[in-house]
Amino acid sequence: MRDSIARAFAWVLHLCLPARGRHRAPEPPDPVVICAPRAPVPVHVLARTLPAPDPFRIPPYMDPGHVERRREAWKQRERRLAIALALAGVDYPYVAEGVHQVTRGVAA
């Protein structure tokens, strides 16, 4: 009997008093709404309409060094592939830049 009374009392306290302490879930903040002349505008919609912070930024494909950086990245990727395949025991026909390779048995 005492156990059921204690459980009922704990249940009533749980309903009346909010949880406290470190493990309590934080309450979500209210969404900020900025009032426009006709209707309120949510912040995420307003953020999409603001101009970019750096409007004079050059896109990467218009940068003069972009092509060279892409070429270097491609070479590095191919070197890494050749190393990984060599470690696995697979022959990969990789030729380093500036090295002349003589092919034999190729009919012209």
Protein backbone atom coordinates (compact mmCIF):
# COMPACT_ATOMS: atom_id res chain seq x y z
CA MET A 1 0.00 0.00 0.00
CA ARG A 2 2.80 2.40 0.88
CA ASP A 3 4.53 1.62 -2.41
CA SER A 4 1.48 2.53 -4.51
CA ILE A 5 0.97 5.76 -2.51
CA ALA A 6 4.63 6.69 -3.05
CA ARG A 7 4.33 5.99 -6.81
CA ALA A 8 1.17 8.09 -7.07
CA PHE A 9 2.82 10.94 -5.14
CA ALA A 10 5.92 10.79 -7.39
CA TRP A 11 3.68 10.84 -10.49
CA VAL A 12 1.82 13.94 -9.22
CA LEU A 13 5.12 15.69 -8.44
CA HIS A 14 6.42 14.79 -11.89
CA LEU A 15 3.37 16.43 -13.48
CA CYS A 16 3.46 19.54 -11.30
CA LEU A 17 7.19 20.31 -11.19
CA PRO A 18 9.40 20.55 -14.28
CA ALA A 19 12.58 18.55 -14.49
CA ARG A 20 15.76 20.32 -13.42
CA GLY A 21 19.43 19.60 -13.77
CA ARG A 22 22.04 18.86 -16.33
CA HIS A 23 20.10 16.28 -18.34
CA ARG A 24 16.99 18.37 -18.81
CA ALA A 25 16.24 19.02 -22.46
CA PRO A 26 16.61 22.71 -23.36
CA GLU A 27 13.52 24.48 -24.56
CA PRO A 28 13.72 25.48 -28.23
CA PRO A 29 14.03 29.23 -28.74
CA ASP A 30 11.13 31.09 -30.26
CA PRO A 31 11.63 31.72 -33.98
CA VAL A 32 12.64 35.29 -34.64
CA VAL A 33 10.26 37.09 -36.95
CA ILE A 34 11.06 40.44 -38.51
CA CYS A 35 7.98 42.42 -39.38
CA ALA A 36 7.59 43.56 -42.95
CA PRO A 37 5.05 46.15 -44.09
CA ARG A 38 2.36 43.52 -44.77
CA ALA A 39 3.23 40.21 -43.14
CA PRO A 40 5.96 38.86 -40.86
CA VAL A 41 8.91 37.27 -42.67
CA PRO A 42 10.74 34.31 -41.06
CA VAL A 43 14.48 34.72 -40.65
CA HIS A 44 15.41 31.80 -42.94
CA VAL A 45 13.45 33.41 -45.79
CA LEU A 46 15.01 36.80 -45.11
CA ALA A 47 18.51 35.27 -45.10
CA ARG A 48 18.02 33.96 -48.64
CA THR A 49 17.12 37.43 -49.91
CA LEU A 50 20.13 39.25 -48.43
CA PRO A 51 23.03 40.01 -50.79
CA ALA A 52 26.19 37.92 -50.61
CA PRO A 53 28.82 39.12 -48.12
CA ASP A 54 31.45 39.36 -50.88
CA PRO A 55 29.73 40.35 -54.14
CA PHE A 56 33.03 40.80 -56.02
CA ARG A 57 34.24 37.23 -55.53
CA ILE A 58 35.59 35.61 -58.70
CA PRO A 59 34.13 32.16 -59.39
CA PRO A 60 36.77 29.42 -59.49
CA TYR A 61 36.25 28.61 -63.18
CA MET A 62 37.20 32.20 -64.12
CA ASP A 63 40.38 32.20 -62.03
CA PRO A 64 43.48 31.99 -64.28
CA GLY A 65 45.19 29.44 -62.02
CA HIS A 66 42.11 27.23 -61.81
CA VAL A 67 43.06 25.04 -64.78
CA GLU A 68 46.57 24.47 -63.47
CA ARG A 69 45.30 23.56 -60.00
CA ARG A 70 42.81 21.10 -61.51
CA ARG A 71 45.58 19.55 -63.62
CA GLU A 72 47.83 19.16 -60.56
CA ALA A 73 44.97 17.62 -58.58
CA TRP A 74 44.34 15.15 -61.41
CA LYS A 75 48.03 14.17 -61.53
CA GLN A 76 48.13 13.69 -57.78
CA ARG A 77 44.99 11.56 -57.90
CA GLU A 78 46.53 9.40 -60.64
CA ARG A 79 49.77 8.98 -58.67
CA ARG A 80 47.83 7.90 -55.60
CA LEU A 81 45.84 5.42 -57.69
CA ALA A 82 49.05 3.98 -59.16
CA ILE A 83 50.54 3.57 -55.67
CA ALA A 84 47.40 1.91 -54.29
CA LEU A 85 47.22 -0.50 -57.22
CA ALA A 86 50.96 -1.26 -56.94
CA LEU A 87 50.49 -2.14 -53.28
CA ALA A 88 47.64 -4.45 -54.27
CA GLY A 89 49.84 -6.09 -56.92
CA VAL A 90 47.97 -4.74 -59.93
CA ASP A 91 49.94 -3.35 -62.84
CA TYR A 92 48.85 0.18 -63.79
CA PRO A 93 50.32 1.82 -66.88
CA TYR A 94 51.34 5.06 -65.16
CA VAL A 95 54.08 7.10 -66.80
CA ALA A 96 55.59 9.98 -64.86
CA GLU A 97 55.79 13.34 -66.57
CA GLY A 98 59.03 13.84 -68.49
CA VAL A 99 59.82 10.12 -68.70
CA HIS A 100 59.91 8.66 -72.19
CA GLN A 101 58.44 5.20 -72.40
CA VAL A 102 59.34 2.87 -75.23
CA THR A 103 56.52 0.57 -76.28
CA ARG A 104 57.39 -2.72 -77.92
CA GLY A 105 55.33 -5.00 -80.03
CA VAL A 106 52.96 -2.33 -81.23
CA ALA A 107 52.13 -2.56 -84.90
CA ALA A 108 51.99 0.76 -86.67
